[in-house]
Protein backbone atom coordinates (compact mmCIF):
# COMPACT_ATOMS: atom_id res chain seq x y z
CA MET A 1 -47.09 -100.39 22.11
CA PRO A 2 -49.70 -102.77 23.61
CA TRP A 3 -53.31 -101.72 23.65
CA HIS A 4 -54.93 -101.73 27.06
CA LEU A 5 -58.69 -101.75 27.48
CA ARG A 6 -61.04 -102.01 30.39
CA ARG A 7 -62.25 -105.53 31.17
CA GLU A 8 -65.44 -106.01 29.19
CA SER A 9 -68.53 -108.00 30.06
CA PRO A 10 -69.61 -110.90 27.80
CA GLN A 11 -72.27 -108.61 26.37
CA ALA A 12 -69.56 -106.19 25.21
CA THR A 13 -68.05 -108.90 23.01
CA GLN A 14 -71.22 -109.32 20.99
CA PRO A 15 -71.37 -108.02 17.36
CA ARG A 16 -71.35 -104.27 16.90
CA ARG A 17 -74.60 -102.40 17.52
CA GLU A 18 -76.67 -100.33 15.14
CA PHE A 19 -79.57 -98.42 16.65
CA ALA A 20 -81.34 -95.09 16.59
CA GLU A 21 -80.69 -92.77 19.50
CA PRO A 22 -83.81 -91.21 21.10
CA LEU A 23 -84.33 -87.47 20.77
CA GLU A 24 -81.35 -85.57 22.15
CA PRO A 25 -80.61 -81.86 22.63
CA GLN A 26 -79.60 -80.37 19.32
CA PRO A 27 -76.09 -79.05 18.67
CA PRO A 28 -74.09 -77.05 19.58
CA LEU A 29 -74.24 -79.01 22.86
CA TYR A 30 -75.28 -82.65 22.78
CA ARG A 31 -74.60 -86.08 24.23
CA SER A 32 -72.57 -88.47 22.09
CA PRO A 33 -73.08 -92.18 22.87
CA THR A 34 -70.12 -93.05 20.67
CA LEU A 35 -67.75 -90.75 22.55
CA ARG A 36 -69.01 -92.41 25.73
CA ALA A 37 -68.31 -95.85 24.23
CA LEU A 38 -64.77 -94.83 23.26
CA VAL A 39 -63.96 -93.39 26.68
CA SER A 40 -65.37 -96.48 28.43
CA ARG A 41 -62.63 -98.53 26.75
CA LEU A 42 -59.81 -96.39 28.09
CA THR A 43 -58.17 -96.73 31.49
CA SER A 44 -56.64 -93.96 33.54
CA GLU A 45 -53.63 -96.15 34.33
CA ASP A 46 -52.41 -96.41 30.74
CA GLY A 47 -51.09 -93.69 28.43
CA TYR A 48 -52.40 -93.29 24.90
CA HIS A 49 -51.13 -91.59 21.77
CA VAL A 50 -54.13 -89.68 20.38
CA LEU A 51 -54.43 -88.25 16.86
CA ASP A 52 -56.97 -85.46 16.36
CA LEU A 53 -57.74 -84.96 12.66
CA GLY A 54 -59.82 -81.88 13.38
CA GLY A 55 -59.03 -78.36 14.49
CA ALA A 56 -57.13 -77.58 17.68
CA ALA A 57 -59.18 -77.44 20.87
CA GLY A 58 -57.58 -76.97 24.27
CA ALA A 59 -60.55 -78.73 25.91
CA ASN A 60 -59.65 -81.96 24.09
CA VAL A 61 -56.02 -81.80 25.19
CA GLU A 62 -57.14 -81.26 28.78
CA PHE A 63 -59.69 -84.08 28.60
CA PHE A 64 -57.22 -86.73 27.40
CA SER A 65 -54.59 -85.61 29.89
CA ARG A 66 -56.52 -87.53 32.56
CA PHE A 67 -55.47 -90.71 30.75
CA SER A 68 -51.81 -89.62 30.72
CA SER A 69 -52.23 -89.29 26.98
CA ARG A 70 -50.39 -87.30 24.33
CA LEU A 71 -52.69 -85.62 21.81
CA GLN A 72 -51.33 -84.63 18.39
CA ILE A 73 -53.34 -82.17 16.27
CA ALA A 74 -53.30 -82.83 12.52
CA ASP A 75 -56.03 -80.30 11.52
CA LEU A 76 -56.42 -82.28 8.32
CA PRO A 77 -58.86 -79.88 6.60
CA ASP A 78 -56.53 -76.87 6.97
CA ALA A 79 -53.43 -78.88 6.08
CA LEU A 80 -54.96 -80.29 2.90
CA ALA A 81 -56.36 -76.88 1.90
CA SER A 82 -52.87 -75.42 1.57
CA GLY A 83 -51.63 -74.82 -1.98
CA ASP A 84 -49.25 -77.70 -2.70
CA LEU A 85 -51.13 -80.27 -0.67
CA ARG A 86 -54.47 -79.33 -2.22
CA SER A 87 -53.10 -80.12 -5.67
CA LEU A 88 -51.41 -83.28 -4.42
CA LEU A 89 -54.64 -84.46 -2.76
CA LEU A 90 -56.40 -84.33 -6.13
CA ALA A 91 -53.55 -85.91 -8.08
CA ASP A 92 -52.28 -88.48 -5.58
CA PRO A 93 -54.26 -88.64 -2.30
CA SER A 94 -52.04 -91.41 -0.91
CA ALA A 95 -48.97 -89.16 -1.23
CA ALA A 96 -50.85 -86.25 0.36
CA PHE A 97 -51.78 -88.31 3.42
CA ARG A 98 -48.21 -89.60 3.72
CA LYS A 99 -47.06 -85.98 4.03
CA VAL A 100 -49.73 -84.98 6.54
CA LEU A 101 -49.61 -88.20 8.59
CA PRO A 102 -46.01 -89.43 8.70
CA VAL A 103 -45.16 -92.66 10.52
CA THR A 104 -44.04 -91.91 14.09
CA ARG A 105 -42.05 -93.94 16.57
CA ASP A 106 -45.13 -94.44 18.73
CA PRO A 107 -48.25 -95.44 16.75
CA PHE A 108 -51.59 -93.85 17.56
CA ASP A 109 -54.01 -95.64 19.88
CA VAL A 110 -56.98 -93.30 19.38
CA VAL A 111 -58.04 -91.29 16.31
CA LEU A 112 -60.59 -88.48 16.52
CA ALA A 113 -61.80 -88.12 12.94
CA TRP A 114 -64.87 -86.06 13.92
CA ASP A 115 -66.69 -84.94 10.71
CA VAL A 116 -63.59 -84.92 8.46
CA LEU A 117 -64.76 -87.94 6.42
CA ASN A 118 -67.66 -85.87 5.04
CA TYR A 119 -65.20 -83.62 3.20
CA LEU A 120 -63.27 -86.30 1.32
CA THR A 121 -64.04 -88.15 -1.91
CA ARG A 122 -64.47 -91.92 -1.96
CA GLU A 123 -60.94 -92.38 -3.29
CA GLN A 124 -59.54 -90.06 -0.64
CA LEU A 125 -61.44 -91.89 2.10
CA GLY A 126 -59.89 -95.19 1.05
CA CYS A 127 -56.41 -93.65 0.98
CA LEU A 128 -56.92 -92.07 4.41
CA ALA A 129 -58.00 -95.40 5.88
CA ALA A 130 -54.93 -97.09 4.43
CA ARG A 131 -52.66 -94.41 5.88
CA LEU A 132 -54.29 -94.57 9.29
CA GLY A 133 -53.74 -98.31 9.24
CA ARG A 134 -50.00 -97.62 8.88
CA VAL A 135 -49.76 -95.09 11.70
CA CYS A 136 -52.11 -96.72 14.24
CA SER A 137 -51.45 -99.48 16.76
CA GLN A 138 -53.24 -102.80 16.74
CA ARG A 139 -56.81 -102.44 18.07
CA ALA A 140 -56.63 -98.66 17.84
CA LEU A 141 -60.00 -96.91 18.20
CA MET A 142 -61.39 -94.25 15.86
CA LEU A 143 -64.36 -91.93 16.36
CA ALA A 144 -66.05 -90.53 13.24
CA PHE A 145 -69.27 -88.64 12.44
CA VAL A 146 -70.89 -88.96 9.00
CA SER A 147 -73.69 -86.68 7.83
CA THR A 148 -76.95 -88.24 6.60
CA THR A 149 -78.66 -84.93 5.83
CA ARG A 150 -78.83 -83.19 2.46
CA GLU A 151 -76.71 -80.26 3.59
CA MET A 152 -73.87 -79.74 6.04
CA PRO A 153 -71.49 -76.93 7.04
CA SER A 154 -69.21 -75.83 4.20
CA VAL A 155 -66.11 -76.64 6.28
CA PRO A 156 -65.53 -79.09 9.15
CA MET A 157 -66.56 -77.91 12.59
CA VAL A 158 -64.42 -77.80 15.71
CA PHE A 159 -65.51 -80.39 18.29
CA LYS A 160 -64.78 -79.68 21.94
CA ILE A 161 -65.12 -82.39 24.56
CA VAL A 162 -67.09 -81.15 27.57
CA ASP A 163 -67.10 -84.45 29.46
CA GLU A 164 -67.00 -88.16 28.65
CA GLN A 165 -70.36 -88.07 26.90
CA THR A 166 -70.91 -84.42 25.90
CA LEU A 167 -69.61 -82.42 22.94
CA PHE A 168 -69.75 -78.75 22.06
CA LEU A 169 -69.77 -77.97 18.33
CA GLN A 170 -68.20 -74.75 17.09
CA PRO A 171 -68.93 -73.91 13.42
CA ARG A 172 -66.10 -72.31 11.46
CA SER A 173 -68.43 -70.77 8.89
CA PRO A 174 -72.20 -70.13 8.56
CA ALA A 175 -72.11 -71.32 4.92
CA ILE A 176 -73.48 -74.72 3.95
CA ARG A 177 -72.79 -77.22 1.16
CA GLN A 178 -74.25 -80.45 -0.15
CA SER A 179 -73.53 -83.51 1.94
CA PRO A 180 -72.11 -86.66 0.28
CA ARG A 181 -74.40 -88.79 2.48
CA PHE A 182 -72.18 -91.87 2.40
CA PRO A 183 -74.34 -94.92 3.27
CA PRO A 184 -73.13 -97.15 6.13
CA ALA A 185 -72.23 -100.05 3.83
CA GLU A 186 -70.00 -97.78 1.76
CA ILE A 187 -68.31 -96.30 4.81
CA GLU A 188 -67.50 -99.82 6.02
CA ARG A 189 -66.08 -100.75 2.60
CA LEU A 190 -63.98 -97.60 2.24
CA MET A 191 -62.59 -97.78 5.79
CA SER A 192 -60.70 -100.95 4.97
CA GLY A 193 -58.62 -102.24 7.88
CA PHE A 194 -61.06 -100.85 10.44
CA ALA A 195 -64.15 -102.67 11.74
CA VAL A 196 -67.27 -100.95 13.05
CA VAL A 197 -67.73 -101.54 16.77
CA GLN A 198 -70.74 -99.27 17.18
CA SER A 199 -72.91 -97.25 14.83
CA VAL A 200 -75.51 -94.82 16.14
CA LEU A 201 -77.92 -92.76 14.03
CA MET A 202 -78.54 -89.52 15.90
CA ARG A 203 -81.79 -87.62 15.59
CA HIS A 204 -80.01 -84.51 14.29
CA GLY A 205 -78.89 -86.40 11.17
CA VAL A 206 -75.41 -87.66 12.07
CA GLN A 207 -74.33 -91.29 11.96
CA GLU A 208 -71.75 -91.77 14.69
CA TYR A 209 -69.16 -94.54 14.27
CA LEU A 210 -66.69 -96.17 16.59
CA PHE A 211 -64.12 -98.15 14.59
CA ILE A 212 -61.40 -100.51 15.76
CA ARG A 213 -58.29 -101.36 13.74
CA SER A 214 -58.75 -104.95 12.64
């Protein structure tokens, strides 16, 4: 399925940007420049196959419906926490991701990874990237948030899209755990097959990424 993007200015073709975002309202409600960048590349005339790796949120389904899109919920954290898959993820992460993310007739054009990458090991991250490369279309876009703080929620949060630049964060648990704090260079290396289009360090300690399948 061809990938359709808005016509971009010459400036938009320059190398990806890395910059620090000025002070923003803290979660649970905040503006996401990377979500805005992703949405700016979509057109209302074209349909997209969207893969949400996080928990189900009706707001996200409704939001992408304006682009005549189909959104598929994977809820990767819950799926991989189940008995058999949890063991398989430790023994053979590639096989685990093949079960959770099977190849479909229509490849995915957009992936919403949210904060899921924070809860995977380096080996698992590499295997996930390889699997996403198999199930995504050429030039597919992926949104991902990586923690840079010492601690983070014990389980992934649910992200709800309010509008094209605003997110509402819903914690699943008040507990916290140590953050892996993957540095940007390591994220780029592990996400093989995807190139960083934009990287934004938010003031509340999250590095936002917009990837494109290369």
